[in-house]
Amino acid sequence: MIKRRFSLALSLLWRTYVVFFIYSIVISLALGFAFSLKTLVNSSFSLYLPAGALLVFALLLAVLEVGCRINLLRAMFGGRLKRSPAQWRTCVLQMSLVITTLATLNALIAFVAPIDVWVYYKAYVAQPLFAVGVFAIGWAQATSGAEETSAALAVN
């Protein structure tokens, strides 16, 4: 049971990292071509860009899932995980909520705290929080899937 939870959580974690990495490359290229160097060296732009990028990523995940039925996490070899479409939908919407929370926290720290605190947060706190959030979603998904399976076996 615990092995199943860890397996699902780690599977969701690497899929989320790969999707976010691809998104980050696309956003970096788009911003690099769209803005000049004068805009990119502005300190407030550099402080709030990660929060904005995270918020856009969360909205992208949610809008593609709800509006177009395109699940970016399932597109990353998600067929190998035996998850129903409802479980994938729940996972993506919870992931969007976690990423929105992290974007809000990032913007709050950038607005309230000094720059060295923000740099410390980005370097040492943001990634573990992201991993813990994704891991918690995978853990909860595995728990709910196990409960559904045991309930179905009890009925039969």
Protein backbone atom coordinates (compact mmCIF):
# COMPACT_ATOMS: atom_id res chain seq x y z
CA MET A 1 0.00 0.00 0.00
CA ILE A 2 2.73 2.47 0.94
CA LYS A 3 4.75 1.39 -2.09
CA ARG A 4 1.76 2.23 -4.30
CA ARG A 5 1.43 5.66 -2.70
CA PHE A 6 5.12 6.48 -3.15
CA SER A 7 5.07 5.18 -6.71
CA LEU A 8 2.09 7.33 -7.71
CA ALA A 9 3.44 10.39 -5.91
CA LEU A 10 6.86 10.11 -7.55
CA SER A 11 5.27 9.45 -10.95
CA LEU A 12 3.19 12.60 -10.64
CA LEU A 13 6.21 14.54 -9.41
CA TRP A 14 8.43 13.81 -12.40
CA ARG A 15 5.57 14.34 -14.85
CA THR A 16 4.83 17.71 -13.29
CA TYR A 17 8.50 18.70 -13.38
CA VAL A 18 8.79 17.75 -17.07
CA VAL A 19 5.62 19.65 -18.05
CA PHE A 20 6.74 22.69 -16.03
CA PHE A 21 10.23 22.52 -17.57
CA ILE A 22 8.80 22.51 -21.10
CA TYR A 23 6.48 25.38 -20.16
CA SER A 24 9.41 27.33 -18.65
CA ILE A 25 11.47 26.97 -21.82
CA VAL A 26 8.57 28.17 -23.98
CA ILE A 27 7.88 31.14 -21.67
CA SER A 28 11.58 32.05 -21.53
CA LEU A 29 11.83 32.03 -25.31
CA ALA A 30 8.62 34.04 -25.68
CA LEU A 31 9.73 36.64 -23.13
CA GLY A 32 13.20 36.77 -24.64
CA PHE A 33 11.81 37.59 -28.05
CA ALA A 34 8.93 39.77 -26.88
CA PHE A 35 10.73 42.12 -24.49
CA SER A 36 13.93 44.01 -24.82
CA LEU A 37 16.80 43.77 -22.36
CA LYS A 38 15.73 47.05 -20.73
CA THR A 39 12.56 45.43 -19.44
CA LEU A 40 14.21 42.21 -18.34
CA VAL A 41 16.80 43.89 -16.12
CA ASN A 42 14.17 45.79 -14.15
CA SER A 43 14.30 44.50 -10.55
CA SER A 44 10.54 44.51 -9.95
CA PHE A 45 10.02 42.61 -13.20
CA SER A 46 12.53 40.00 -12.06
CA LEU A 47 10.84 39.71 -8.66
CA TYR A 48 7.30 39.22 -9.92
CA LEU A 49 8.01 37.22 -13.10
CA PRO A 50 8.23 33.81 -11.34
CA ALA A 51 4.92 34.39 -9.57
CA GLY A 52 3.27 35.44 -12.82
CA ALA A 53 4.75 32.48 -14.68
CA LEU A 54 3.49 30.07 -12.01
CA LEU A 55 0.04 31.63 -12.08
CA VAL A 56 -0.14 31.39 -15.88
CA PHE A 57 1.00 27.75 -15.68
CA ALA A 58 -1.73 26.94 -13.12
CA LEU A 59 -4.35 28.65 -15.26
CA LEU A 60 -3.06 26.82 -18.34
CA LEU A 61 -3.41 23.45 -16.60
CA ALA A 62 -6.92 24.22 -15.35
CA VAL A 63 -8.26 25.84 -18.53
CA LEU A 64 -6.93 23.09 -20.80
CA GLU A 65 -8.44 20.42 -18.56
CA VAL A 66 -11.82 22.07 -17.95
CA GLY A 67 -12.32 23.75 -21.32
CA CYS A 68 -10.57 21.55 -23.87
CA ARG A 69 -10.27 18.23 -22.01
CA ILE A 70 -6.51 18.26 -22.61
CA ASN A 71 -4.61 16.91 -19.64
CA LEU A 72 -0.95 17.87 -19.85
CA LEU A 73 0.10 15.52 -17.05
CA ARG A 74 -1.58 12.53 -18.67
CA ALA A 75 0.08 13.49 -21.97
CA MET A 76 3.48 12.82 -20.32
CA PHE A 77 3.28 9.02 -20.53
CA GLY A 78 0.23 9.07 -18.26
CA GLY A 79 -1.27 6.04 -19.97
CA ARG A 80 1.19 3.88 -18.06
CA LEU A 81 -0.55 4.85 -14.82
CA LYS A 82 -3.87 3.11 -14.41
CA ARG A 83 -5.91 6.20 -13.56
CA SER A 84 -9.45 7.00 -14.62
CA PRO A 85 -10.19 10.30 -16.41
CA ALA A 86 -11.93 11.55 -13.25
CA GLN A 87 -8.82 10.85 -11.17
CA TRP A 88 -6.62 12.65 -13.71
CA ARG A 89 -9.02 15.60 -13.72
CA THR A 90 -8.98 15.79 -9.92
CA CYS A 91 -5.20 15.56 -9.93
CA VAL A 92 -4.77 18.40 -12.43
CA LEU A 93 -7.23 20.67 -10.64
CA GLN A 94 -5.54 20.02 -7.29
CA MET A 95 -2.17 20.62 -8.95
CA SER A 96 -3.47 23.91 -10.29
CA LEU A 97 -4.55 24.89 -6.78
CA VAL A 98 -1.12 24.03 -5.33
CA ILE A 99 0.68 26.00 -8.03
CA THR A 100 -1.65 28.99 -7.56
CA THR A 101 -0.92 28.90 -3.82
CA LEU A 102 2.82 28.83 -4.51
CA ALA A 103 2.49 31.75 -6.95
CA THR A 104 0.60 33.75 -4.35
CA LEU A 105 3.20 32.96 -1.70
CA ASN A 106 5.99 33.91 -4.10
CA ALA A 107 4.35 37.26 -4.93
CA LEU A 108 3.68 37.95 -1.25
CA ILE A 109 7.30 37.29 -0.29
CA ALA A 110 8.53 39.40 -3.23
CA PHE A 111 6.25 42.27 -2.18
CA VAL A 112 6.76 42.20 1.60
CA ALA A 113 10.21 40.77 2.28
CA PRO A 114 13.64 42.11 1.35
CA ILE A 115 15.31 40.76 -1.78
CA ASP A 116 17.69 38.46 0.11
CA VAL A 117 14.74 36.71 1.78
CA TRP A 118 13.09 36.28 -1.62
CA VAL A 119 16.29 34.81 -3.09
CA TYR A 120 16.58 32.43 -0.12
CA TYR A 121 12.93 31.42 -0.59
CA LYS A 122 13.41 30.76 -4.33
CA ALA A 123 16.65 28.84 -3.78
CA TYR A 124 15.80 26.68 -0.78
CA VAL A 125 12.07 26.75 0.01
CA ALA A 126 10.05 26.97 -3.22
CA GLN A 127 11.15 23.68 -4.79
CA PRO A 128 10.64 21.55 -1.65
CA LEU A 129 7.19 23.14 -1.18
CA PHE A 130 6.34 22.29 -4.78
CA ALA A 131 7.55 18.71 -4.32
CA VAL A 132 5.62 18.33 -1.04
CA GLY A 133 2.44 19.64 -2.69
CA VAL A 134 2.73 17.25 -5.63
CA PHE A 135 3.64 14.39 -3.31
CA ALA A 136 0.58 15.11 -1.13
CA ILE A 137 -1.67 15.05 -4.19
CA GLY A 138 -0.23 11.69 -5.27
CA TRP A 139 -0.55 10.33 -1.74
CA ALA A 140 -4.21 11.41 -1.52
CA GLN A 141 -4.98 10.02 -4.98
CA ALA A 142 -3.49 6.64 -4.07
CA THR A 143 -5.43 6.61 -0.80
CA SER A 144 -8.75 7.40 -2.50
CA GLY A 145 -8.07 4.82 -5.23
CA ALA A 146 -7.33 2.15 -2.63
CA GLU A 147 -10.49 2.99 -0.70
CA GLU A 148 -12.58 2.75 -3.89
CA THR A 149 -11.02 -0.63 -4.72
CA SER A 150 -11.61 -2.03 -1.23
CA ALA A 151 -15.19 -0.73 -1.26
CA ALA A 152 -15.82 -2.39 -4.64
CA LEU A 153 -14.38 -5.67 -3.37
CA ALA A 154 -16.55 -5.50 -0.24
CA VAL A 155 -19.72 -5.12 -2.35
CA ASN A 156 -18.85 -8.13 -4.53
